[in-house]
Amino acid sequence: IVDSFGDRVTIGEVATDLGVIQYYEYTKPGRLNLAFNF
């Protein structure tokens, strides 16, 4: 939906026990643009 509106951005707050691996999962192509590296 967001991509259909052009050059917008999605940023995920991913509160997880799995760290960087899970931030990557949420930002793979087709998913969110960014996820905070907590």
Full PDB file with SEQRES, HELIX, SHEET, SSBOND, CRYST1, ORIGX, SCALE, CONECT and MASTER records, all heavy atoms in Angstrom:
SEQRES   1 A   38  ILE VAL ASP SER PHE GLY ASP ARG VAL THR ILE GLY GLU          
SEQRES   2 A   38  VAL ALA THR ASP LEU GLY VAL ILE GLN TYR TYR GLU TYR          
SEQRES   3 A   38  THR LYS PRO GLY ARG LEU ASN LEU ALA PHE ASN PHE              
HELIX    1 AA1 ASP A    3  PHE A    5  5                                   3    
HELIX    2 AA2 VAL A   20  TYR A   26  1                                   7    
SHEET    1 AA1 2 ILE A  11  GLY A  12  0                                        
SHEET    2 AA1 2 LEU A  34  ALA A  35  1                                        
CRYST1    1.000    1.000    1.000  90.00  90.00  90.00 P 1           1          
ORIGX1      1.000000  0.000000  0.000000        0.00000                         
ORIGX2      0.000000  1.000000  0.000000        0.00000                         
ORIGX3      0.000000  0.000000  1.000000        0.00000                         
SCALE1      1.000000  0.000000  0.000000        0.00000                         
SCALE2      0.000000  1.000000  0.000000        0.00000                         
SCALE3      0.000000  0.000000  1.000000        0.00000                         
ATOM      1  N   ILE A   1       0.839  -1.203   0.000  1.00  0.00           N  
ATOM      2  CA  ILE A   1       0.000   0.000   0.000  1.00  0.00           C  
ATOM      3  C   ILE A   1       0.867   1.244   0.000  1.00  0.00           C  
ATOM      4  O   ILE A   1       0.658   2.179  -0.794  1.00  0.00           O  
ATOM      5  CB  ILE A   1      -0.936   0.001   1.221  1.00  0.00           C  
ATOM      6  CG1 ILE A   1      -1.960  -1.123   1.111  1.00  0.00           C  
ATOM      7  CG2 ILE A   1      -1.642   1.352   1.368  1.00  0.00           C  
ATOM      8  CD1 ILE A   1      -2.759  -1.363   2.384  1.00  0.00           C  
ATOM      9  N   VAL A   2       1.849   1.295   0.871  1.00  0.00           N  
ATOM     10  CA  VAL A   2       2.726   2.467   0.965  1.00  0.00           C  
ATOM     11  C   VAL A   2       3.477   2.679  -0.345  1.00  0.00           C  
ATOM     12  O   VAL A   2       3.593   3.803  -0.843  1.00  0.00           O  
ATOM     13  CB  VAL A   2       3.690   2.327   2.155  1.00  0.00           C  
ATOM     14  CG1 VAL A   2       4.687   3.482   2.183  1.00  0.00           C  
ATOM     15  CG2 VAL A   2       2.917   2.269   3.473  1.00  0.00           C  
ATOM     16  N   ASP A   3       3.994   1.611  -0.926  1.00  0.00           N  
ATOM     17  CA  ASP A   3       4.739   1.720  -2.185  1.00  0.00           C  
ATOM     18  C   ASP A   3       3.879   2.271  -3.316  1.00  0.00           C  
ATOM     19  O   ASP A   3       4.385   2.940  -4.222  1.00  0.00           O  
ATOM     20  CB  ASP A   3       5.288   0.348  -2.591  1.00  0.00           C  
ATOM     21  CG  ASP A   3       6.498  -0.072  -1.760  1.00  0.00           C  
ATOM     22  OD1 ASP A   3       7.090   0.799  -1.102  1.00  0.00           O  
ATOM     23  OD2 ASP A   3       6.831  -1.278  -1.771  1.00  0.00           O  
ATOM     24  N   SER A   4       2.581   2.006  -3.277  1.00  0.00           N  
ATOM     25  CA  SER A   4       1.698   2.473  -4.347  1.00  0.00           C  
ATOM     26  C   SER A   4       1.561   3.992  -4.361  1.00  0.00           C  
ATOM     27  O   SER A   4       1.075   4.563  -5.341  1.00  0.00           O  
ATOM     28  CB  SER A   4       0.315   1.824  -4.217  1.00  0.00           C  
ATOM     29  OG  SER A   4      -0.394   2.339  -3.098  1.00  0.00           O  
ATOM     30  N   PHE A   5       2.001   4.646  -3.291  1.00  0.00           N  
ATOM     31  CA  PHE A   5       1.926   6.104  -3.204  1.00  0.00           C  
ATOM     32  C   PHE A   5       3.252   6.775  -3.572  1.00  0.00           C  
ATOM     33  O   PHE A   5       3.411   7.976  -3.388  1.00  0.00           O  
ATOM     34  CB  PHE A   5       1.502   6.535  -1.797  1.00  0.00           C  
ATOM     35  CG  PHE A   5       0.034   6.387  -1.542  1.00  0.00           C  
ATOM     36  CD1 PHE A   5      -0.504   5.154  -1.184  1.00  0.00           C  
ATOM     37  CD2 PHE A   5      -0.827   7.474  -1.675  1.00  0.00           C  
ATOM     38  CE1 PHE A   5      -1.864   5.015  -0.951  1.00  0.00           C  
ATOM     39  CE2 PHE A   5      -2.181   7.339  -1.451  1.00  0.00           C  
ATOM     40  CZ  PHE A   5      -2.714   6.103  -1.087  1.00  0.00           C  
ATOM     41  N   GLY A   6       4.195   6.012  -4.092  1.00  0.00           N  
ATOM     42  CA  GLY A   6       5.447   6.612  -4.514  1.00  0.00           C  
ATOM     43  C   GLY A   6       6.540   6.485  -3.484  1.00  0.00           C  
ATOM     44  O   GLY A   6       6.569   5.538  -2.701  1.00  0.00           O  
ATOM     45  N   ASP A   7       7.426   7.467  -3.450  1.00  0.00           N  
ATOM     46  CA  ASP A   7       8.651   7.358  -2.676  1.00  0.00           C  
ATOM     47  C   ASP A   7       8.414   7.727  -1.215  1.00  0.00           C  
ATOM     48  O   ASP A   7       8.820   8.780  -0.737  1.00  0.00           O  
ATOM     49  CB  ASP A   7       9.709   8.270  -3.292  1.00  0.00           C  
ATOM     50  CG  ASP A   7      11.120   7.838  -2.927  1.00  0.00           C  
ATOM     51  OD1 ASP A   7      11.267   6.740  -2.345  1.00  0.00           O  
ATOM     52  OD2 ASP A   7      12.060   8.578  -3.223  1.00  0.00           O  
ATOM     53  N   ARG A   8       7.736   6.857  -0.495  1.00  0.00           N  
ATOM     54  CA  ARG A   8       7.475   7.040   0.929  1.00  0.00           C  
ATOM     55  C   ARG A   8       8.361   6.065   1.712  1.00  0.00           C  
ATOM     56  O   ARG A   8       9.089   5.270   1.124  1.00  0.00           O  
ATOM     57  CB  ARG A   8       5.998   6.799   1.258  1.00  0.00           C  
ATOM     58  CG  ARG A   8       5.000   7.465   0.285  1.00  0.00           C  
ATOM     59  CD  ARG A   8       5.001   8.981   0.355  1.00  0.00           C  
ATOM     60  NE  ARG A   8       4.131   9.570  -0.658  1.00  0.00           N  
ATOM     61  CZ  ARG A   8       2.871   9.961  -0.456  1.00  0.00           C  
ATOM     62  NH1 ARG A   8       2.325   9.818   0.742  1.00  0.00           N  
ATOM     63  NH2 ARG A   8       2.173  10.498  -1.439  1.00  0.00           N  
ATOM     64  N   VAL A   9       8.266   6.101   3.030  1.00  0.00           N  
ATOM     65  CA  VAL A   9       9.138   5.242   3.835  1.00  0.00           C  
ATOM     66  C   VAL A   9       8.342   4.582   4.956  1.00  0.00           C  
ATOM     67  O   VAL A   9       7.398   5.171   5.494  1.00  0.00           O  
ATOM     68  CB  VAL A   9      10.320   6.049   4.423  1.00  0.00           C  
ATOM     69  CG1 VAL A   9       9.845   7.076   5.436  1.00  0.00           C  
ATOM     70  CG2 VAL A   9      11.370   5.129   5.050  1.00  0.00           C  
ATOM     71  N   THR A  10       8.726   3.359   5.286  1.00  0.00           N  
ATOM     72  CA  THR A  10       8.203   2.669   6.465  1.00  0.00           C  
ATOM     73  C   THR A  10       9.373   2.325   7.377  1.00  0.00           C  
ATOM     74  O   THR A  10      10.418   1.867   6.922  1.00  0.00           O  
ATOM     75  CB  THR A  10       7.466   1.373   6.089  1.00  0.00           C  
ATOM     76  OG1 THR A  10       8.320   0.561   5.268  1.00  0.00           O  
ATOM     77  CG2 THR A  10       6.176   1.675   5.337  1.00  0.00           C  
ATOM     78  N   ILE A  11       9.173   2.568   8.670  1.00  0.00           N  
ATOM     79  CA  ILE A  11      10.220   2.344   9.674  1.00  0.00           C  
ATOM     80  C   ILE A  11       9.608   1.507  10.789  1.00  0.00           C  
ATOM     81  O   ILE A  11       8.630   1.916  11.412  1.00  0.00           O  
ATOM     82  CB  ILE A  11      10.725   3.677  10.252  1.00  0.00           C  
ATOM     83  CG1 ILE A  11      11.166   4.632   9.133  1.00  0.00           C  
ATOM     84  CG2 ILE A  11      11.850   3.436  11.244  1.00  0.00           C  
ATOM     85  CD1 ILE A  11      11.113   6.087   9.526  1.00  0.00           C  
ATOM     86  N   GLY A  12      10.158   0.358  11.040  1.00  0.00           N  
ATOM     87  CA  GLY A  12       9.580  -0.531  12.026  1.00  0.00           C  
ATOM     88  C   GLY A  12      10.256  -0.454  13.377  1.00  0.00           C  
ATOM     89  O   GLY A  12      11.489  -0.476  13.466  1.00  0.00           O  
ATOM     90  N   GLU A  13       9.446  -0.351  14.426  1.00  0.00           N  
ATOM     91  CA  GLU A  13       9.943  -0.590  15.778  1.00  0.00           C  
ATOM     92  C   GLU A  13       9.738  -2.071  16.043  1.00  0.00           C  
ATOM     93  O   GLU A  13       8.607  -2.519  16.264  1.00  0.00           O  
ATOM     94  CB  GLU A  13       9.198   0.245  16.820  1.00  0.00           C  
ATOM     95  CG  GLU A  13       9.733   0.008  18.220  1.00  0.00           C  
ATOM     96  CD  GLU A  13       8.820   0.522  19.324  1.00  0.00           C  
ATOM     97  OE1 GLU A  13       7.594   0.561  19.125  1.00  0.00           O  
ATOM     98  OE2 GLU A  13       9.340   0.869  20.397  1.00  0.00           O  
ATOM     99  N   VAL A  14      10.810  -2.831  15.972  1.00  0.00           N  
ATOM    100  CA  VAL A  14      10.754  -4.279  16.125  1.00  0.00           C  
ATOM    101  C   VAL A  14      11.321  -4.631  17.498  1.00  0.00           C  
ATOM    102  O   VAL A  14      12.531  -4.732  17.690  1.00  0.00           O  
ATOM    103  CB  VAL A  14      11.532  -4.981  15.001  1.00  0.00           C  
ATOM    104  CG1 VAL A  14      11.451  -6.499  15.155  1.00  0.00           C  
ATOM    105  CG2 VAL A  14      10.989  -4.561  13.632  1.00  0.00           C  
ATOM    106  N   ALA A  15      10.435  -4.780  18.453  1.00  0.00           N  
ATOM    107  CA  ALA A  15      10.849  -5.121  19.820  1.00  0.00           C  
ATOM    108  C   ALA A  15      10.981  -6.636  19.900  1.00  0.00           C  
ATOM    109  O   ALA A  15       9.988  -7.352  19.964  1.00  0.00           O  
ATOM    110  CB  ALA A  15       9.812  -4.620  20.820  1.00  0.00           C  
ATOM    111  N   THR A  16      12.213  -7.131  19.887  1.00  0.00           N  
ATOM    112  CA  THR A  16      12.423  -8.562  19.714  1.00  0.00           C  
ATOM    113  C   THR A  16      13.556  -9.077  20.589  1.00  0.00           C  
ATOM    114  O   THR A  16      14.443  -8.323  20.995  1.00  0.00           O  
ATOM    115  CB  THR A  16      12.732  -8.873  18.235  1.00  0.00           C  
ATOM    116  OG1 THR A  16      12.966 -10.272  18.065  1.00  0.00           O  
ATOM    117  CG2 THR A  16      13.957  -8.111  17.751  1.00  0.00           C  
ATOM    118  N   ASP A  17      13.513 -10.371  20.881  1.00  0.00           N  
ATOM    119  CA  ASP A  17      14.609 -11.033  21.578  1.00  0.00           C  
ATOM    120  C   ASP A  17      15.697 -11.474  20.599  1.00  0.00           C  
ATOM    121  O   ASP A  17      16.762 -11.927  21.013  1.00  0.00           O  
ATOM    122  CB  ASP A  17      14.105 -12.281  22.316  1.00  0.00           C  
ATOM    123  CG  ASP A  17      13.122 -11.941  23.426  1.00  0.00           C  
ATOM    124  OD1 ASP A  17      13.339 -10.927  24.114  1.00  0.00           O  
ATOM    125  OD2 ASP A  17      12.139 -12.689  23.602  1.00  0.00           O  
ATOM    126  N   LEU A  18      15.426 -11.360  19.300  1.00  0.00           N  
ATOM    127  CA  LEU A  18      16.291 -11.956  18.285  1.00  0.00           C  
ATOM    128  C   LEU A  18      17.259 -10.975  17.651  1.00  0.00           C  
ATOM    129  O   LEU A  18      18.075 -11.348  16.816  1.00  0.00           O  
ATOM    130  CB  LEU A  18      15.424 -12.609  17.199  1.00  0.00           C  
ATOM    131  CG  LEU A  18      14.459 -13.682  17.709  1.00  0.00           C  
ATOM    132  CD1 LEU A  18      13.596 -14.200  16.579  1.00  0.00           C  
ATOM    133  CD2 LEU A  18      15.228 -14.826  18.363  1.00  0.00           C  
ATOM    134  N   GLY A  19      17.183  -9.702  17.994  1.00  0.00           N  
ATOM    135  CA  GLY A  19      18.166  -8.719  17.576  1.00  0.00           C  
ATOM    136  C   GLY A  19      18.264  -8.493  16.085  1.00  0.00           C  
ATOM    137  O   GLY A  19      17.264  -8.475  15.366  1.00  0.00           O  
ATOM    138  N   VAL A  20      19.508  -8.335  15.600  1.00  0.00           N  
ATOM    139  CA  VAL A  20      19.774  -7.913  14.226  1.00  0.00           C  
ATOM    140  C   VAL A  20      19.154  -8.860  13.205  1.00  0.00           C  
ATOM    141  O   VAL A  20      18.679  -8.432  12.150  1.00  0.00           O  
ATOM    142  CB  VAL A  20      21.299  -7.797  14.003  1.00  0.00           C  
ATOM    143  CG1 VAL A  20      21.612  -7.485  12.547  1.00  0.00           C  
ATOM    144  CG2 VAL A  20      21.874  -6.703  14.899  1.00  0.00           C  
ATOM    145  N   ILE A  21      19.139 -10.140  13.508  1.00  0.00           N  
ATOM    146  CA  ILE A  21      18.544 -11.105  12.573  1.00  0.00           C  
ATOM    147  C   ILE A  21      17.084 -10.765  12.306  1.00  0.00           C  
ATOM    148  O   ILE A  21      16.612 -10.833  11.165  1.00  0.00           O  
ATOM    149  CB  ILE A  21      18.675 -12.538  13.135  1.00  0.00           C  
ATOM    150  CG1 ILE A  21      20.137 -12.968  13.149  1.00  0.00           C  
ATOM    151  CG2 ILE A  21      17.836 -13.521  12.324  1.00  0.00           C  
ATOM    152  CD1 ILE A  21      20.379 -14.300  13.816  1.00  0.00           C  
ATOM    153  N   GLN A  22      16.371 -10.385  13.354  1.00  0.00           N  
ATOM    154  CA  GLN A  22      14.961 -10.080  13.173  1.00  0.00           C  
ATOM    155  C   GLN A  22      14.754  -8.727  12.495  1.00  0.00           C  
ATOM    156  O   GLN A  22      13.811  -8.556  11.724  1.00  0.00           O  
ATOM    157  CB  GLN A  22      14.238 -10.114  14.521  1.00  0.00           C  
ATOM    158  CG  GLN A  22      12.737 -10.337  14.407  1.00  0.00           C  
ATOM    159  CD  GLN A  22      12.377 -11.723  13.873  1.00  0.00           C  
ATOM    160  OE1 GLN A  22      13.207 -12.440  13.315  1.00  0.00           O  
ATOM    161  NE2 GLN A  22      11.133 -12.098  14.025  1.00  0.00           N  
ATOM    162  N   TYR A  23      15.634  -7.749  12.737  1.00  0.00           N  
ATOM    163  CA  TYR A  23      15.530  -6.475  12.018  1.00  0.00           C  
ATOM    164  C   TYR A  23      15.693  -6.715  10.515  1.00  0.00           C  
ATOM    165  O   TYR A  23      15.010  -6.098   9.692  1.00  0.00           O  
ATOM    166  CB  TYR A  23      16.594  -5.485  12.497  1.00  0.00           C  
ATOM    167  CG  TYR A  23      16.625  -5.274  13.998  1.00  0.00           C  
ATOM    168  CD1 TYR A  23      17.826  -5.071  14.659  1.00  0.00           C  
ATOM    169  CD2 TYR A  23      15.453  -5.286  14.756  1.00  0.00           C  
ATOM    170  CE1 TYR A  23      17.871  -4.898  16.041  1.00  0.00           C  
ATOM    171  CE2 TYR A  23      15.495  -5.116  16.133  1.00  0.00           C  
ATOM    172  CZ  TYR A  23      16.697  -4.927  16.775  1.00  0.00           C  
ATOM    173  OH  TYR A  23      16.730  -4.759  18.131  1.00  0.00           O  
ATOM    174  N   TYR A  24      16.594  -7.628  10.190  1.00  0.00           N  
ATOM    175  CA  TYR A  24      16.798  -7.989   8.782  1.00  0.00           C  
ATOM    176  C   TYR A  24      15.552  -8.652   8.210  1.00  0.00           C  
ATOM    177  O   TYR A  24      15.130  -8.343   7.085  1.00  0.00           O  
ATOM    178  CB  TYR A  24      18.008  -8.917   8.677  1.00  0.00           C  
ATOM    179  CG  TYR A  24      18.192  -9.581   7.338  1.00  0.00           C  
ATOM    180  CD1 TYR A  24      18.587  -8.845   6.226  1.00  0.00           C  
ATOM    181  CD2 TYR A  24      17.973 -10.947   7.184  1.00  0.00           C  
ATOM    182  CE1 TYR A  24      18.764  -9.451   4.990  1.00  0.00           C  
ATOM    183  CE2 TYR A  24      18.155 -11.571   5.963  1.00  0.00           C  
ATOM    184  CZ  TYR A  24      18.547 -10.812   4.863  1.00  0.00           C  
ATOM    185  OH  TYR A  24      18.708 -11.423   3.658  1.00  0.00           O  
ATOM    186  N   GLU A  25      14.946  -9.563   8.967  1.00  0.00           N  
ATOM    187  CA  GLU A  25      13.739 -10.236   8.480  1.00  0.00           C  
ATOM    188  C   GLU A  25      12.646  -9.237   8.107  1.00  0.00           C  
ATOM    189  O   GLU A  25      11.927  -9.415   7.133  1.00  0.00           O  
ATOM    190  CB  GLU A  25      13.210 -11.206   9.548  1.00  0.00           C  
ATOM    191  CG  GLU A  25      13.934 -12.529   9.623  1.00  0.00           C  
ATOM    192  CD  GLU A  25      13.812 -13.334   8.344  1.00  0.00           C  
ATOM    193  OE1 GLU A  25      12.717 -13.349   7.737  1.00  0.00           O  
ATOM    194  OE2 GLU A  25      14.821 -13.931   7.939  1.00  0.00           O  
ATOM    195  N   TYR A  26      12.523  -8.183   8.901  1.00  0.00           N  
ATOM    196  CA  TYR A  26      11.455  -7.208   8.662  1.00  0.00           C  
ATOM    197  C   TYR A  26      11.794  -6.208   7.563  1.00  0.00           C  
ATOM    198  O   TYR A  26      10.927  -5.431   7.148  1.00  0.00           O  
ATOM    199  CB  TYR A  26      11.105  -6.478   9.965  1.00  0.00           C  
ATOM    200  CG  TYR A  26      10.145  -7.270  10.817  1.00  0.00           C  
ATOM    201  CD1 TYR A  26      10.608  -8.285  11.646  1.00  0.00           C  
ATOM    202  CD2 TYR A  26       8.773  -7.034  10.764  1.00  0.00           C  
ATOM    203  CE1 TYR A  26       9.740  -9.041  12.414  1.00  0.00           C  
ATOM    204  CE2 TYR A  26       7.893  -7.791  11.525  1.00  0.00           C  
ATOM    205  CZ  TYR A  26       8.381  -8.791  12.342  1.00  0.00           C  
ATOM    206  OH  TYR A  26       7.498  -9.552  13.092  1.00  0.00           O  
ATOM    207  N   THR A  27      13.048  -6.208   7.082  1.00  0.00           N  
ATOM    208  CA  THR A  27      13.422  -5.242   6.046  1.00  0.00           C  
ATOM    209  C   THR A  27      13.901  -5.909   4.759  1.00  0.00           C  
ATOM    210  O   THR A  27      14.509  -5.257   3.908  1.00  0.00           O  
ATOM    211  CB  THR A  27      14.523  -4.297   6.573  1.00  0.00           C  
ATOM    212  OG1 THR A  27      15.617  -5.062   7.093  1.00  0.00           O  
ATOM    213  CG2 THR A  27      13.985  -3.400   7.669  1.00  0.00           C  
ATOM    214  N   LYS A  28      13.638  -7.180   4.611  1.00  0.00           N  
ATOM    215  CA  LYS A  28      13.925  -7.833   3.335  1.00  0.00           C  
ATOM    216  C   LYS A  28      13.080  -7.178   2.234  1.00  0.00           C  
ATOM    217  O   LYS A  28      12.056  -6.559   2.514  1.00  0.00           O  
ATOM    218  CB  LYS A  28      13.594  -9.326   3.421  1.00  0.00           C  
ATOM    219  CG  LYS A  28      14.606 -10.163   4.171  1.00  0.00           C  
ATOM    220  CD  LYS A  28      14.184 -11.621   4.173  1.00  0.00           C  
ATOM    221  CE  LYS A  28      15.213 -12.505   4.850  1.00  0.00           C  
ATOM    222  NZ  LYS A  28      14.768 -13.920   4.903  1.00  0.00           N  
ATOM    223  N   PRO A  29      13.502  -7.305   0.977  1.00  0.00           N  
ATOM    224  CA  PRO A  29      12.723  -6.708  -0.125  1.00  0.00           C  
ATOM    225  C   PRO A  29      11.256  -7.099  -0.050  1.00  0.00           C  
ATOM    226  O   PRO A  29      10.907  -8.257   0.200  1.00  0.00           O  
ATOM    227  CB  PRO A  29      13.404  -7.295  -1.365  1.00  0.00           C  
ATOM    228  CG  PRO A  29      14.820  -7.509  -0.932  1.00  0.00           C  
ATOM    229  CD  PRO A  29      14.736  -7.944   0.503  1.00  0.00           C  
ATOM    230  N   GLY A  30      10.387  -6.110  -0.244  1.00  0.00           N  
ATOM    231  CA  GLY A  30       8.951  -6.330  -0.176  1.00  0.00           C  
ATOM    232  C   GLY A  30       8.376  -6.103   1.201  1.00  0.00           C  
ATOM    233  O   GLY A  30       7.159  -6.093   1.378  1.00  0.00           O  
ATOM    234  N   ARG A  31       9.263  -5.930   2.181  1.00  0.00           N  
ATOM    235  CA  ARG A  31       8.816  -5.666   3.545  1.00  0.00           C  
ATOM    236  C   ARG A  31       9.142  -4.206   3.896  1.00  0.00           C  
ATOM    237  O   ARG A  31       9.111  -3.352   3.034  1.00  0.00           O  
ATOM    238  CB  ARG A  31       9.443  -6.673   4.508  1.00  0.00           C  
ATOM    239  CG  ARG A  31       8.965  -8.098   4.208  1.00  0.00           C  
ATOM    240  CD  ARG A  31       9.646  -9.160   5.035  1.00  0.00           C  
ATOM    241  NE  ARG A  31       9.172 -10.489   4.642  1.00  0.00           N  
ATOM    242  CZ  ARG A  31       9.715 -11.626   5.026  1.00  0.00           C  
ATOM    243  NH1 ARG A  31      10.775 -11.614   5.829  1.00  0.00           N  
ATOM    244  NH2 ARG A  31       9.221 -12.782   4.614  1.00  0.00           N  
ATOM    245  N   LEU A  32       9.398  -3.909   5.142  1.00  0.00           N  
ATOM    246  CA  LEU A  32       9.628  -2.523   5.544  1.00  0.00           C  
ATOM    247  C   LEU A  32      10.927  -1.988   4.956  1.00  0.00           C  
ATOM    248  O   LEU A  32      11.853  -2.741   4.667  1.00  0.00           O  
ATOM    249  CB  LEU A  32       9.672  -2.428   7.067  1.00  0.00           C  
ATOM    250  CG  LEU A  32       8.453  -2.955   7.819  1.00  0.00           C  
ATOM    251  CD1 LEU A  32       8.679  -2.812   9.325  1.00  0.00           C  
ATOM    252  CD2 LEU A  32       7.188  -2.221   7.402  1.00  0.00           C  
ATOM    253  N   ASN A  33      10.985  -0.669   4.809  1.00  0.00           N  
ATOM    254  CA  ASN A  33      12.223  -0.055   4.314  1.00  0.00           C  
ATOM    255  C   ASN A  33      13.313  -0.065   5.380  1.00  0.00           C  
ATOM    256  O   ASN A  33      14.481  -0.309   5.070  1.00  0.00           O  
ATOM    257  CB  ASN A  33      11.964   1.386   3.878  1.00  0.00           C  
ATOM    258  CG  ASN A  33      10.929   1.496   2.781  1.00  0.00           C  
ATOM    259  OD1 ASN A  33       9.942   2.221   2.916  1.00  0.00           O  
ATOM    260  ND2 ASN A  33      11.122   0.773   1.692  1.00  0.00           N  
ATOM    261  N   LEU A  34      12.926   0.195   6.632  1.00  0.00           N  
ATOM    262  CA  LEU A  34      13.894   0.320   7.717  1.00  0.00           C  
ATOM    263  C   LEU A  34      13.345  -0.309   8.986  1.00  0.00           C  
ATOM    264  O   LEU A  34      12.132  -0.393   9.165  1.00  0.00           O  
ATOM    265  CB  LEU A  34      14.214   1.791   8.003  1.00  0.00           C  
ATOM    266  CG  LEU A  34      14.806   2.639   6.881  1.00  0.00           C  
ATOM    267  CD1 LEU A  34      14.779   4.118   7.264  1.00  0.00           C  
ATOM    268  CD2 LEU A  34      16.227   2.193   6.560  1.00  0.00           C  
ATOM    269  N   ALA A  35      14.244  -0.721   9.862  1.00  0.00           N  
ATOM    270  CA  ALA A  35      13.872  -1.136  11.217  1.00  0.00           C  
ATOM    271  C   ALA A  35      14.978  -0.655  12.148  1.00  0.00           C  
ATOM    272  O   ALA A  35      16.160  -0.840  11.867  1.00  0.00           O  
ATOM    273  CB  ALA A  35      13.718  -2.653  11.317  1.00  0.00           C  
ATOM    274  N   PHE A  36      14.598  -0.026  13.238  1.00  0.00           N  
ATOM    275  CA  PHE A  36      15.587   0.495  14.180  1.00  0.00           C  
ATOM    276  C   PHE A  36      16.518  -0.608  14.668  1.00  0.00           C  
ATOM    277  O   PHE A  36      16.063  -1.684  15.056  1.00  0.00           O  
ATOM    278  CB  PHE A  36      14.893   1.102  15.404  1.00  0.00           C  
ATOM    279  CG  PHE A  36      14.020   2.278  15.103  1.00  0.00           C  
ATOM    280  CD1 PHE A  36      12.658   2.209  15.318  1.00  0.00           C  
ATOM    281  CD2 PHE A  36      14.558   3.460  14.618  1.00  0.00           C  
ATOM    282  CE1 PHE A  36      11.836   3.289  15.053  1.00  0.00           C  
ATOM    283  CE2 PHE A  36      13.746   4.554  14.352  1.00  0.00           C  
ATOM    284  CZ  PHE A  36      12.388   4.471  14.567  1.00  0.00           C  
ATOM    285  N   ASN A  37      17.815  -0.324  14.666  1.00  0.00           N  
ATOM    286  CA  ASN A  37      18.790  -1.280  15.189  1.00  0.00           C  
ATOM    287  C   ASN A  37      18.973  -1.020  16.681  1.00  0.00           C  
ATOM    288  O   ASN A  37      19.845  -0.257  17.097  1.00  0.00           O  
ATOM    289  CB  ASN A  37      20.122  -1.134  14.448  1.00  0.00           C  
ATOM    290  CG  ASN A  37      21.090  -2.246  14.781  1.00  0.00           C  
ATOM    291  OD1 ASN A  37      20.974  -2.892  15.829  1.00  0.00           O  
ATOM    292  ND2 ASN A  37      22.055  -2.487  13.917  1.00  0.00           N  
ATOM    293  N   PHE A  38      18.144  -1.654  17.492  1.00  0.00           N  
ATOM    294  CA  PHE A  38      18.214  -1.445  18.935  1.00  0.00           C  
ATOM    295  C   PHE A  38      19.419  -2.130  19.571  1.00  0.00           C  
ATOM    296  O   PHE A  38      19.802  -1.797  20.698  1.00  0.00           O  
ATOM    297  CB  PHE A  38      16.917  -1.920  19.603  1.00  0.00           C  
ATOM    298  CG  PHE A  38      15.731  -1.057  19.286  1.00  0.00           C  
ATOM    299  CD1 PHE A  38      14.480  -1.613  19.137  1.00  0.00           C  
ATOM    300  CD2 PHE A  38      15.861   0.309  19.155  1.00  0.00           C  
ATOM    301  CE1 PHE A  38      13.374  -0.827  18.859  1.00  0.00           C  
ATOM    302  CE2 PHE A  38      14.767   1.120  18.870  1.00  0.00           C  
ATOM    303  CZ  PHE A  38      13.513   0.551  18.726  1.00  0.00           C  
TER     304      PHE A  38                                                      
MASTER        0    0    0    2    2    0    0    6  303    1    0    3          
END                                                                             
